[in-house]
Amino acid sequence: MFMQIAIGAIGIGIVLMVGYLVIAQVRTAIPTPQVANTCQGQVGIDPACAGGDNVSAYVDSTTFTEGVSGVQATVFAGFGLVAVGIIVLAAFGLINIFR
């Protein structure tokens, strides 16, 4: 019985690690869309543009970057829950062995 649980936990762990790698690779592979820079040429004119990129005509979309980061965090949280499930499953198997 415990051997089946252990093999299942190892399989789920491998799926988790592959999932982490896939999500990280997909995030880096998706090109970040460029949007027009509203602060171009606004040096010292608009206080909202202070410290930003005032030279480039296009900048990375912040909403896209924040959205992808949010999705990645949600997926990683789900993987974390599955990892906790693996730990509980392994603990249950150990308890049954020594019972």
C-alpha atoms as a PDB file:
ATOM      1  CA  MET A   1       0.000   0.000   0.000  1.00  0.00           C
ATOM      2  CA  PHE A   2       2.705   2.470   0.978  1.00  0.00           C
ATOM      3  CA  MET A   3       4.700   1.682  -2.155  1.00  0.00           C
ATOM      4  CA  GLN A   4       1.743   2.726  -4.313  1.00  0.00           C
ATOM      5  CA  ILE A   5       1.404   5.971  -2.359  1.00  0.00           C
ATOM      6  CA  ALA A   6       5.146   6.640  -2.650  1.00  0.00           C
ATOM      7  CA  ILE A   7       5.164   6.010  -6.398  1.00  0.00           C
ATOM      8  CA  GLY A   8       2.122   8.254  -6.798  1.00  0.00           C
ATOM      9  CA  ALA A   9       3.791  11.009  -4.758  1.00  0.00           C
ATOM     10  CA  ILE A  10       6.953  10.761  -6.856  1.00  0.00           C
ATOM     11  CA  GLY A  11       4.880  10.987 -10.036  1.00  0.00           C
ATOM     12  CA  ILE A  12       2.975  14.022  -8.782  1.00  0.00           C
ATOM     13  CA  GLY A  13       6.266  15.621  -7.703  1.00  0.00           C
ATOM     14  CA  ILE A  14       7.712  15.143 -11.187  1.00  0.00           C
ATOM     15  CA  VAL A  15       4.588  16.679 -12.713  1.00  0.00           C
ATOM     16  CA  LEU A  16       4.968  19.654 -10.340  1.00  0.00           C
ATOM     17  CA  MET A  17       8.575  20.260 -11.317  1.00  0.00           C
ATOM     18  CA  VAL A  18       7.769  20.027 -15.024  1.00  0.00           C
ATOM     19  CA  GLY A  19       4.846  22.396 -14.459  1.00  0.00           C
ATOM     20  CA  TYR A  20       7.100  24.965 -12.791  1.00  0.00           C
ATOM     21  CA  LEU A  21       9.552  24.757 -15.682  1.00  0.00           C
ATOM     22  CA  VAL A  22       6.838  25.016 -18.330  1.00  0.00           C
ATOM     23  CA  ILE A  23       5.195  28.032 -16.701  1.00  0.00           C
ATOM     24  CA  ALA A  24       8.549  29.814 -16.341  1.00  0.00           C
ATOM     25  CA  GLN A  25       9.502  29.072 -19.955  1.00  0.00           C
ATOM     26  CA  VAL A  26       6.128  30.169 -21.305  1.00  0.00           C
ATOM     27  CA  ARG A  27       6.370  33.447 -19.423  1.00  0.00           C
ATOM     28  CA  THR A  28       9.770  34.231 -20.899  1.00  0.00           C
ATOM     29  CA  ALA A  29       8.702  33.117 -24.397  1.00  0.00           C
ATOM     30  CA  ILE A  30       5.660  35.399 -24.592  1.00  0.00           C
ATOM     31  CA  PRO A  31       6.718  38.680 -26.168  1.00  0.00           C
ATOM     32  CA  THR A  32       5.838  41.732 -24.097  1.00  0.00           C
ATOM     33  CA  PRO A  33       3.701  44.092 -26.165  1.00  0.00           C
ATOM     34  CA  GLN A  34       4.972  47.620 -26.670  1.00  0.00           C
ATOM     35  CA  VAL A  35       2.739  50.637 -26.098  1.00  0.00           C
ATOM     36  CA  ALA A  36       3.260  54.279 -26.998  1.00  0.00           C
ATOM     37  CA  ASN A  37       5.224  56.190 -24.361  1.00  0.00           C
ATOM     38  CA  THR A  38       3.035  59.052 -23.138  1.00  0.00           C
ATOM     39  CA  CYS A  39       5.985  60.512 -21.210  1.00  0.00           C
ATOM     40  CA  GLN A  40       8.220  60.969 -24.249  1.00  0.00           C
ATOM     41  CA  GLY A  41       9.568  64.515 -24.214  1.00  0.00           C
ATOM     42  CA  GLN A  42       7.841  65.354 -20.897  1.00  0.00           C
ATOM     43  CA  VAL A  43      11.039  66.060 -18.957  1.00  0.00           C
ATOM     44  CA  GLY A  44      10.196  68.430 -16.099  1.00  0.00           C
ATOM     45  CA  ILE A  45       6.703  69.115 -17.480  1.00  0.00           C
ATOM     46  CA  ASP A  46       4.509  66.317 -16.153  1.00  0.00           C
ATOM     47  CA  PRO A  47       5.154  65.204 -12.534  1.00  0.00           C
ATOM     48  CA  ALA A  48       3.654  61.777 -13.309  1.00  0.00           C
ATOM     49  CA  CYS A  49       6.531  61.140 -15.740  1.00  0.00           C
ATOM     50  CA  ALA A  50       9.313  61.927 -13.251  1.00  0.00           C
ATOM     51  CA  GLY A  51      11.893  59.156 -13.089  1.00  0.00           C
ATOM     52  CA  GLY A  52      10.420  57.265 -16.025  1.00  0.00           C
ATOM     53  CA  ASP A  53      11.621  56.687 -19.562  1.00  0.00           C
ATOM     54  CA  ASN A  54      11.235  60.070 -21.253  1.00  0.00           C
ATOM     55  CA  VAL A  55      13.229  59.235 -24.376  1.00  0.00           C
ATOM     56  CA  SER A  56      11.817  56.052 -25.945  1.00  0.00           C
ATOM     57  CA  ALA A  57       8.806  56.210 -28.234  1.00  0.00           C
ATOM     58  CA  TYR A  58       7.542  52.826 -27.006  1.00  0.00           C
ATOM     59  CA  VAL A  59       7.715  51.108 -23.611  1.00  0.00           C
ATOM     60  CA  ASP A  60       6.694  47.671 -22.291  1.00  0.00           C
ATOM     61  CA  SER A  61       3.036  47.298 -21.367  1.00  0.00           C
ATOM     62  CA  THR A  62       2.834  47.351 -17.571  1.00  0.00           C
ATOM     63  CA  THR A  63      -0.672  45.873 -17.506  1.00  0.00           C
ATOM     64  CA  PHE A  64       0.493  42.883 -19.528  1.00  0.00           C
ATOM     65  CA  THR A  65       3.520  42.327 -17.291  1.00  0.00           C
ATOM     66  CA  GLU A  66       1.443  42.620 -14.109  1.00  0.00           C
ATOM     67  CA  GLY A  67      -1.227  40.309 -15.509  1.00  0.00           C
ATOM     68  CA  VAL A  68       1.248  37.600 -16.498  1.00  0.00           C
ATOM     69  CA  SER A  69       2.939  37.884 -13.095  1.00  0.00           C
ATOM     70  CA  GLY A  70      -0.436  37.496 -11.393  1.00  0.00           C
ATOM     71  CA  VAL A  71      -1.314  34.413 -13.420  1.00  0.00           C
ATOM     72  CA  GLN A  72       2.093  32.892 -12.720  1.00  0.00           C
ATOM     73  CA  ALA A  73       1.685  33.510  -8.986  1.00  0.00           C
ATOM     74  CA  THR A  74      -1.763  31.889  -9.036  1.00  0.00           C
ATOM     75  CA  VAL A  75      -0.485  28.816 -10.877  1.00  0.00           C
ATOM     76  CA  PHE A  76       2.475  28.525  -8.506  1.00  0.00           C
ATOM     77  CA  ALA A  77       0.085  28.753  -5.532  1.00  0.00           C
ATOM     78  CA  GLY A  78      -1.924  25.889  -7.006  1.00  0.00           C
ATOM     79  CA  PHE A  79       1.250  23.861  -7.428  1.00  0.00           C
ATOM     80  CA  GLY A  80       2.082  24.652  -3.800  1.00  0.00           C
ATOM     81  CA  LEU A  81      -1.270  23.245  -2.701  1.00  0.00           C
ATOM     82  CA  VAL A  82      -0.591  20.070  -4.650  1.00  0.00           C
ATOM     83  CA  ALA A  83       2.841  19.852  -2.985  1.00  0.00           C
ATOM     84  CA  VAL A  84       1.188  20.122   0.442  1.00  0.00           C
ATOM     85  CA  GLY A  85      -1.132  17.329  -0.636  1.00  0.00           C
ATOM     86  CA  ILE A  86       1.891  15.177  -1.496  1.00  0.00           C
ATOM     87  CA  ILE A  87       3.376  15.804   1.947  1.00  0.00           C
ATOM     88  CA  VAL A  88       0.098  14.851   3.638  1.00  0.00           C
ATOM     89  CA  LEU A  89      -0.148  11.742   1.469  1.00  0.00           C
ATOM     90  CA  ALA A  90       3.392  10.677   2.362  1.00  0.00           C
ATOM     91  CA  ALA A  91       2.721  11.307   6.055  1.00  0.00           C
ATOM     92  CA  PHE A  92      -0.421   9.190   5.851  1.00  0.00           C
ATOM     93  CA  GLY A  93       1.586   6.379   4.282  1.00  0.00           C
ATOM     94  CA  LEU A  94       4.249   6.559   6.988  1.00  0.00           C
ATOM     95  CA  ILE A  95       1.589   6.486   9.712  1.00  0.00           C
ATOM     96  CA  ASN A  96       0.065   3.372   8.160  1.00  0.00           C
ATOM     97  CA  ILE A  97       3.457   1.648   8.010  1.00  0.00           C
ATOM     98  CA  PHE A  98       4.239   2.183  11.673  1.00  0.00           C
ATOM     99  CA  ARG A  99       0.728   1.512  12.935  1.00  0.00           C
END
